[in-house]
């Protein structure tokens, strides 16, 4: 499990339900890196706190502080951690497989998640109604999942691009988790993605990164 010691070198600014932050929690656990968890409550607009704006002017989570280095944006953070901390490599040497991993990560981070994030959904709700908000999210998630299913069905092994957990898996699982649990997306049209999701649930690093296991997650009691 991640350390919450204030002496930890790495600091992750996170929100328990953010799928972008979820990705980086998985990376940190896969690489065995201890980090301090600093919660940023997006529902309370804590991302607009002047102290956090100094960390990430675009006012999004996650943000990572590594000594005197500050990195925001989950894709940039994942690649930074990959370069600096080589244990459990997330990108293969094979160029075709590397390109596939980057493509999957890009589809999730640019073609699905931004269209179902909190500011977009709040805007949809304010302009239309709560029902339209869910329909909007489901439409864009299904569009992305359809593409990912076609892309991976002939390449997946035990995990997305083979038998090792790599960058594609780190980006896929938080999106599948959010799609199925938060946005009620039917996974039956996506057997490859559903199978991968089941495989991820067995991995300790993925279990530790789950939204409900974060210190700022609402208590179930």
C-alpha atoms as a PDB file:
ATOM      1  CA  UNK A   1       0.000   0.000   0.000  1.00  0.00           C
ATOM      2  CA  UNK A   2       1.087   3.568  -0.557  1.00  0.00           C
ATOM      3  CA  UNK A   3       2.705   5.357   2.327  1.00  0.00           C
ATOM      4  CA  UNK A   4       1.049   8.473   3.715  1.00  0.00           C
ATOM      5  CA  UNK A   5       4.190   9.590   5.484  1.00  0.00           C
ATOM      6  CA  UNK A   6       4.797  13.306   5.126  1.00  0.00           C
ATOM      7  CA  UNK A   7       8.446  12.466   4.471  1.00  0.00           C
ATOM      8  CA  UNK A   8       7.572  10.590   1.274  1.00  0.00           C
ATOM      9  CA  UNK A   9       9.457  11.929  -1.729  1.00  0.00           C
ATOM     10  CA  UNK A  10       6.554  11.596  -4.128  1.00  0.00           C
ATOM     11  CA  UNK A  11       3.324  13.481  -3.572  1.00  0.00           C
ATOM     12  CA  UNK A  12       0.189  12.738  -5.561  1.00  0.00           C
ATOM     13  CA  UNK A  13      -2.646  15.248  -5.694  1.00  0.00           C
ATOM     14  CA  UNK A  14      -5.684  13.103  -6.311  1.00  0.00           C
ATOM     15  CA  UNK A  15      -9.443  12.801  -6.058  1.00  0.00           C
ATOM     16  CA  UNK A  16     -10.793   9.391  -5.188  1.00  0.00           C
ATOM     17  CA  UNK A  17     -13.226   9.142  -8.144  1.00  0.00           C
ATOM     18  CA  UNK A  18     -11.023  10.721 -10.801  1.00  0.00           C
ATOM     19  CA  UNK A  19     -10.200   8.101 -13.416  1.00  0.00           C
ATOM     20  CA  UNK A  20      -7.167  10.161 -14.439  1.00  0.00           C
ATOM     21  CA  UNK A  21      -5.791  10.011 -10.906  1.00  0.00           C
ATOM     22  CA  UNK A  22      -6.786   6.333 -10.746  1.00  0.00           C
ATOM     23  CA  UNK A  23      -4.362   5.645 -13.624  1.00  0.00           C
ATOM     24  CA  UNK A  24      -1.442   7.164 -11.787  1.00  0.00           C
ATOM     25  CA  UNK A  25      -2.234   5.351  -8.551  1.00  0.00           C
ATOM     26  CA  UNK A  26      -1.975   2.103 -10.511  1.00  0.00           C
ATOM     27  CA  UNK A  27       1.388   3.133 -11.977  1.00  0.00           C
ATOM     28  CA  UNK A  28       2.750   4.055  -8.557  1.00  0.00           C
ATOM     29  CA  UNK A  29       1.677   0.743  -7.058  1.00  0.00           C
ATOM     30  CA  UNK A  30       2.962  -1.297 -10.001  1.00  0.00           C
ATOM     31  CA  UNK A  31       6.351   0.345  -9.667  1.00  0.00           C
ATOM     32  CA  UNK A  32       6.367  -0.058  -5.888  1.00  0.00           C
ATOM     33  CA  UNK A  33       6.739   3.663  -5.254  1.00  0.00           C
ATOM     34  CA  UNK A  34       5.742   5.146  -1.914  1.00  0.00           C
ATOM     35  CA  UNK A  35       3.875   8.407  -2.077  1.00  0.00           C
ATOM     36  CA  UNK A  36       1.961  10.904  -0.004  1.00  0.00           C
ATOM     37  CA  UNK A  37      -1.685  11.190  -0.992  1.00  0.00           C
ATOM     38  CA  UNK A  38      -3.091  14.707  -0.990  1.00  0.00           C
ATOM     39  CA  UNK A  39      -6.812  14.850  -1.642  1.00  0.00           C
ATOM     40  CA  UNK A  40      -8.306  17.571  -3.828  1.00  0.00           C
ATOM     41  CA  UNK A  41     -12.092  17.567  -3.522  1.00  0.00           C
ATOM     42  CA  UNK A  42     -13.369  18.489  -6.967  1.00  0.00           C
ATOM     43  CA  UNK A  43     -16.968  18.774  -5.759  1.00  0.00           C
ATOM     44  CA  UNK A  44     -15.881  21.492  -3.325  1.00  0.00           C
ATOM     45  CA  UNK A  45     -13.831  23.266  -6.020  1.00  0.00           C
ATOM     46  CA  UNK A  46     -10.618  22.716  -4.089  1.00  0.00           C
ATOM     47  CA  UNK A  47      -8.826  22.578  -7.441  1.00  0.00           C
ATOM     48  CA  UNK A  48      -9.302  26.359  -7.563  1.00  0.00           C
ATOM     49  CA  UNK A  49      -7.462  26.867  -4.280  1.00  0.00           C
ATOM     50  CA  UNK A  50      -4.554  29.227  -5.009  1.00  0.00           C
ATOM     51  CA  UNK A  51      -2.070  26.766  -3.506  1.00  0.00           C
ATOM     52  CA  UNK A  52      -3.207  24.019  -5.860  1.00  0.00           C
ATOM     53  CA  UNK A  53      -3.293  26.372  -8.836  1.00  0.00           C
ATOM     54  CA  UNK A  54       0.427  26.922  -8.229  1.00  0.00           C
ATOM     55  CA  UNK A  55       0.859  23.165  -8.629  1.00  0.00           C
ATOM     56  CA  UNK A  56      -1.409  22.820 -11.672  1.00  0.00           C
ATOM     57  CA  UNK A  57      -2.703  26.031 -13.284  1.00  0.00           C
ATOM     58  CA  UNK A  58      -5.220  24.113 -15.405  1.00  0.00           C
ATOM     59  CA  UNK A  59      -6.935  23.029 -12.148  1.00  0.00           C
ATOM     60  CA  UNK A  60      -7.112  19.297 -12.839  1.00  0.00           C
ATOM     61  CA  UNK A  61      -5.996  16.222 -10.955  1.00  0.00           C
ATOM     62  CA  UNK A  62      -3.732  14.374 -10.893  1.00  0.00           C
ATOM     63  CA  UNK A  63      -0.585  16.319 -10.238  1.00  0.00           C
ATOM     64  CA  UNK A  64       2.660  14.755  -9.082  1.00  0.00           C
ATOM     65  CA  UNK A  65       5.451  16.365  -7.099  1.00  0.00           C
ATOM     66  CA  UNK A  66       8.778  14.525  -7.192  1.00  0.00           C
ATOM     67  CA  UNK A  67      11.314  16.566  -5.270  1.00  0.00           C
ATOM     68  CA  UNK A  68      11.601  19.818  -7.208  1.00  0.00           C
ATOM     69  CA  UNK A  69       9.806  18.394 -10.250  1.00  0.00           C
ATOM     70  CA  UNK A  70       6.093  19.030 -10.739  1.00  0.00           C
ATOM     71  CA  UNK A  71       4.172  17.163 -13.443  1.00  0.00           C
ATOM     72  CA  UNK A  72       0.479  17.400 -14.233  1.00  0.00           C
ATOM     73  CA  UNK A  73      -1.673  15.497 -16.744  1.00  0.00           C
ATOM     74  CA  UNK A  74      -1.912  11.747 -16.266  1.00  0.00           C
ATOM     75  CA  UNK A  75      -0.306  10.857 -19.603  1.00  0.00           C
ATOM     76  CA  UNK A  76       2.701  13.070 -18.879  1.00  0.00           C
ATOM     77  CA  UNK A  77       2.958  11.749 -15.320  1.00  0.00           C
ATOM     78  CA  UNK A  78       2.841   8.128 -16.474  1.00  0.00           C
ATOM     79  CA  UNK A  79       5.611   8.703 -19.014  1.00  0.00           C
ATOM     80  CA  UNK A  80       7.675  10.644 -16.482  1.00  0.00           C
ATOM     81  CA  UNK A  81       7.421   7.803 -13.970  1.00  0.00           C
ATOM     82  CA  UNK A  82       8.228   5.299 -16.702  1.00  0.00           C
ATOM     83  CA  UNK A  83      11.404   7.166 -17.622  1.00  0.00           C
ATOM     84  CA  UNK A  84      12.625   7.833 -14.096  1.00  0.00           C
ATOM     85  CA  UNK A  85      11.592   4.632 -12.351  1.00  0.00           C
ATOM     86  CA  UNK A  86      12.369   1.707 -14.677  1.00  0.00           C
ATOM     87  CA  UNK A  87      11.081  -1.046 -12.393  1.00  0.00           C
ATOM     88  CA  UNK A  88       8.078  -2.820 -13.906  1.00  0.00           C
ATOM     89  CA  UNK A  89       8.389  -1.219 -17.366  1.00  0.00           C
ATOM     90  CA  UNK A  90       5.083  -0.198 -18.896  1.00  0.00           C
ATOM     91  CA  UNK A  91       6.217   0.279 -22.492  1.00  0.00           C
ATOM     92  CA  UNK A  92       7.681  -2.657 -24.445  1.00  0.00           C
ATOM     93  CA  UNK A  93      10.763  -2.442 -26.644  1.00  0.00           C
ATOM     94  CA  UNK A  94       8.861  -3.873 -29.609  1.00  0.00           C
ATOM     95  CA  UNK A  95       7.799  -0.828 -31.622  1.00  0.00           C
ATOM     96  CA  UNK A  96       4.478  -2.250 -32.817  1.00  0.00           C
ATOM     97  CA  UNK A  97       3.447  -3.252 -29.318  1.00  0.00           C
ATOM     98  CA  UNK A  98       4.667   0.057 -27.925  1.00  0.00           C
ATOM     99  CA  UNK A  99       2.585   1.934 -30.499  1.00  0.00           C
ATOM    100  CA  UNK A 100      -0.450  -0.169 -29.581  1.00  0.00           C
ATOM    101  CA  UNK A 101      -0.034   0.689 -25.904  1.00  0.00           C
ATOM    102  CA  UNK A 102       0.261   4.381 -26.671  1.00  0.00           C
ATOM    103  CA  UNK A 103      -2.737   4.229 -28.988  1.00  0.00           C
ATOM    104  CA  UNK A 104      -4.947   2.614 -26.357  1.00  0.00           C
ATOM    105  CA  UNK A 105      -3.836   5.120 -23.731  1.00  0.00           C
ATOM    106  CA  UNK A 106      -4.494   7.993 -26.126  1.00  0.00           C
ATOM    107  CA  UNK A 107      -7.991   6.767 -27.040  1.00  0.00           C
ATOM    108  CA  UNK A 108      -8.917   6.629 -23.374  1.00  0.00           C
ATOM    109  CA  UNK A 109      -7.301   9.907 -22.391  1.00  0.00           C
ATOM    110  CA  UNK A 110      -8.328  12.009 -25.393  1.00  0.00           C
ATOM    111  CA  UNK A 111     -11.402  10.397 -26.981  1.00  0.00           C
ATOM    112  CA  UNK A 112     -13.364   9.067 -23.998  1.00  0.00           C
ATOM    113  CA  UNK A 113     -12.506  10.508 -20.577  1.00  0.00           C
ATOM    114  CA  UNK A 114     -12.578  14.242 -21.453  1.00  0.00           C
ATOM    115  CA  UNK A 115     -16.146  13.863 -22.716  1.00  0.00           C
ATOM    116  CA  UNK A 116     -17.387  12.389 -19.444  1.00  0.00           C
ATOM    117  CA  UNK A 117     -15.416  14.398 -16.919  1.00  0.00           C
ATOM    118  CA  UNK A 118     -17.027  16.511 -14.217  1.00  0.00           C
ATOM    119  CA  UNK A 119     -16.955  19.971 -15.888  1.00  0.00           C
ATOM    120  CA  UNK A 120     -18.482  18.629 -19.111  1.00  0.00           C
ATOM    121  CA  UNK A 121     -21.214  16.682 -17.326  1.00  0.00           C
ATOM    122  CA  UNK A 122     -22.014  19.657 -15.101  1.00  0.00           C
ATOM    123  CA  UNK A 123     -22.375  21.851 -18.184  1.00  0.00           C
ATOM    124  CA  UNK A 124     -24.651  19.297 -19.903  1.00  0.00           C
ATOM    125  CA  UNK A 125     -26.819  19.115 -16.791  1.00  0.00           C
ATOM    126  CA  UNK A 126     -27.078  22.901 -16.517  1.00  0.00           C
ATOM    127  CA  UNK A 127     -28.077  23.274 -20.168  1.00  0.00           C
ATOM    128  CA  UNK A 128     -30.405  20.295 -20.412  1.00  0.00           C
ATOM    129  CA  UNK A 129     -31.220  17.863 -17.570  1.00  0.00           C
ATOM    130  CA  UNK A 130     -29.657  15.064 -15.496  1.00  0.00           C
ATOM    131  CA  UNK A 131     -30.982  12.369 -17.858  1.00  0.00           C
ATOM    132  CA  UNK A 132     -29.162  13.930 -20.784  1.00  0.00           C
ATOM    133  CA  UNK A 133     -25.956  13.972 -18.753  1.00  0.00           C
ATOM    134  CA  UNK A 134     -25.983  10.179 -18.379  1.00  0.00           C
ATOM    135  CA  UNK A 135     -26.990   9.614 -22.008  1.00  0.00           C
ATOM    136  CA  UNK A 136     -24.133  11.857 -23.156  1.00  0.00           C
ATOM    137  CA  UNK A 137     -21.570   9.969 -21.071  1.00  0.00           C
ATOM    138  CA  UNK A 138     -22.838   6.568 -22.179  1.00  0.00           C
ATOM    139  CA  UNK A 139     -22.806   7.567 -25.846  1.00  0.00           C
ATOM    140  CA  UNK A 140     -19.167   8.635 -25.800  1.00  0.00           C
ATOM    141  CA  UNK A 141     -18.007   5.746 -23.618  1.00  0.00           C
ATOM    142  CA  UNK A 142     -19.731   3.228 -25.887  1.00  0.00           C
ATOM    143  CA  UNK A 143     -18.153   4.836 -28.935  1.00  0.00           C
ATOM    144  CA  UNK A 144     -14.714   4.520 -27.377  1.00  0.00           C
ATOM    145  CA  UNK A 145     -15.290   1.004 -26.067  1.00  0.00           C
ATOM    146  CA  UNK A 146     -16.413  -0.129 -29.534  1.00  0.00           C
ATOM    147  CA  UNK A 147     -13.125   1.096 -30.977  1.00  0.00           C
ATOM    148  CA  UNK A 148     -11.052  -0.429 -28.189  1.00  0.00           C
ATOM    149  CA  UNK A 149     -12.802  -3.795 -28.474  1.00  0.00           C
ATOM    150  CA  UNK A 150     -12.018  -3.950 -32.204  1.00  0.00           C
ATOM    151  CA  UNK A 151      -8.459  -2.787 -31.640  1.00  0.00           C
ATOM    152  CA  UNK A 152      -7.619  -5.293 -28.913  1.00  0.00           C
ATOM    153  CA  UNK A 153      -9.566  -8.443 -29.741  1.00  0.00           C
ATOM    154  CA  UNK A 154      -6.733  -9.845 -31.882  1.00  0.00           C
ATOM    155  CA  UNK A 155      -3.895  -8.552 -29.698  1.00  0.00           C
ATOM    156  CA  UNK A 156      -4.940  -9.156 -26.104  1.00  0.00           C
ATOM    157  CA  UNK A 157      -3.344 -11.918 -24.132  1.00  0.00           C
ATOM    158  CA  UNK A 158      -3.875 -12.236 -20.428  1.00  0.00           C
ATOM    159  CA  UNK A 159      -3.858  -8.441 -20.463  1.00  0.00           C
ATOM    160  CA  UNK A 160      -4.531  -5.802 -23.109  1.00  0.00           C
ATOM    161  CA  UNK A 161      -1.455  -6.162 -25.306  1.00  0.00           C
ATOM    162  CA  UNK A 162      -0.012  -9.474 -24.138  1.00  0.00           C
ATOM    163  CA  UNK A 163       0.730 -11.331 -20.940  1.00  0.00           C
ATOM    164  CA  UNK A 164       2.367  -8.438 -19.087  1.00  0.00           C
ATOM    165  CA  UNK A 165       0.633  -5.446 -17.517  1.00  0.00           C
ATOM    166  CA  UNK A 166       1.594  -2.404 -19.521  1.00  0.00           C
ATOM    167  CA  UNK A 167       0.527   1.178 -20.191  1.00  0.00           C
ATOM    168  CA  UNK A 168      -2.640   0.198 -22.056  1.00  0.00           C
ATOM    169  CA  UNK A 169      -3.886  -1.675 -18.995  1.00  0.00           C
ATOM    170  CA  UNK A 170      -3.170   1.276 -16.714  1.00  0.00           C
ATOM    171  CA  UNK A 171      -5.428   3.492 -18.825  1.00  0.00           C
ATOM    172  CA  UNK A 172      -8.060   0.892 -19.660  1.00  0.00           C
ATOM    173  CA  UNK A 173      -9.042  -0.305 -16.212  1.00  0.00           C
ATOM    174  CA  UNK A 174     -10.036   3.066 -14.683  1.00  0.00           C
ATOM    175  CA  UNK A 175     -12.148   3.783 -17.763  1.00  0.00           C
ATOM    176  CA  UNK A 176     -13.831   0.366 -17.705  1.00  0.00           C
ATOM    177  CA  UNK A 177     -14.392   0.730 -13.972  1.00  0.00           C
ATOM    178  CA  UNK A 178     -15.986   4.168 -14.372  1.00  0.00           C
ATOM    179  CA  UNK A 179     -17.973   3.150 -17.414  1.00  0.00           C
ATOM    180  CA  UNK A 180     -19.516   0.073 -15.850  1.00  0.00           C
ATOM    181  CA  UNK A 181     -19.955   1.253 -12.266  1.00  0.00           C
ATOM    182  CA  UNK A 182     -20.506   5.003 -12.460  1.00  0.00           C
ATOM    183  CA  UNK A 183     -22.136   5.351 -15.872  1.00  0.00           C
ATOM    184  CA  UNK A 184     -23.985   2.018 -16.037  1.00  0.00           C
ATOM    185  CA  UNK A 185     -22.546   0.999 -19.402  1.00  0.00           C
ATOM    186  CA  UNK A 186     -23.519  -2.509 -20.494  1.00  0.00           C
ATOM    187  CA  UNK A 187     -20.258  -4.405 -21.013  1.00  0.00           C
ATOM    188  CA  UNK A 188     -21.800  -7.386 -22.852  1.00  0.00           C
ATOM    189  CA  UNK A 189     -20.947  -5.958 -26.324  1.00  0.00           C
ATOM    190  CA  UNK A 190     -17.303  -5.779 -25.224  1.00  0.00           C
ATOM    191  CA  UNK A 191     -16.205  -9.296 -24.221  1.00  0.00           C
ATOM    192  CA  UNK A 192     -12.490  -8.544 -24.520  1.00  0.00           C
ATOM    193  CA  UNK A 193     -12.731  -5.476 -22.294  1.00  0.00           C
ATOM    194  CA  UNK A 194     -14.933  -7.334 -19.799  1.00  0.00           C
ATOM    195  CA  UNK A 195     -12.435 -10.194 -19.616  1.00  0.00           C
ATOM    196  CA  UNK A 196      -9.562  -7.776 -19.063  1.00  0.00           C
ATOM    197  CA  UNK A 197     -11.499  -6.059 -16.295  1.00  0.00           C
ATOM    198  CA  UNK A 198     -11.881  -9.374 -14.484  1.00  0.00           C
ATOM    199  CA  UNK A 199      -8.140 -10.026 -14.815  1.00  0.00           C
ATOM    200  CA  UNK A 200      -7.309  -6.610 -13.352  1.00  0.00           C
ATOM    201  CA  UNK A 201      -9.445  -7.205 -10.271  1.00  0.00           C
ATOM    202  CA  UNK A 202      -7.033  -9.964  -9.223  1.00  0.00           C
ATOM    203  CA  UNK A 203      -3.925  -7.755  -9.229  1.00  0.00           C
ATOM    204  CA  UNK A 204      -2.813  -6.193  -5.915  1.00  0.00           C
ATOM    205  CA  UNK A 205      -1.607  -2.965  -7.552  1.00  0.00           C
ATOM    206  CA  UNK A 206      -4.988  -2.474  -9.207  1.00  0.00           C
ATOM    207  CA  UNK A 207      -6.835  -3.361  -6.015  1.00  0.00           C
ATOM    208  CA  UNK A 208      -4.862  -0.803  -3.997  1.00  0.00           C
ATOM    209  CA  UNK A 209      -5.648   1.919  -6.534  1.00  0.00           C
ATOM    210  CA  UNK A 210      -9.424   1.409  -6.485  1.00  0.00           C
ATOM    211  CA  UNK A 211     -11.445   4.593  -5.875  1.00  0.00           C
ATOM    212  CA  UNK A 212     -13.266   3.208  -2.852  1.00  0.00           C
ATOM    213  CA  UNK A 213      -9.954   2.379  -1.159  1.00  0.00           C
ATOM    214  CA  UNK A 214      -8.619   5.943  -1.220  1.00  0.00           C
ATOM    215  CA  UNK A 215      -8.464   8.000   1.978  1.00  0.00           C
ATOM    216  CA  UNK A 216     -10.869  10.639   0.635  1.00  0.00           C
ATOM    217  CA  UNK A 217     -13.506   8.140  -0.529  1.00  0.00           C
ATOM    218  CA  UNK A 218     -16.843   8.465   1.256  1.00  0.00           C
ATOM    219  CA  UNK A 219     -17.223   6.029   4.129  1.00  0.00           C
ATOM    220  CA  UNK A 220     -19.506   3.080   3.454  1.00  0.00           C
ATOM    221  CA  UNK A 221     -20.442   2.860   7.126  1.00  0.00           C
END
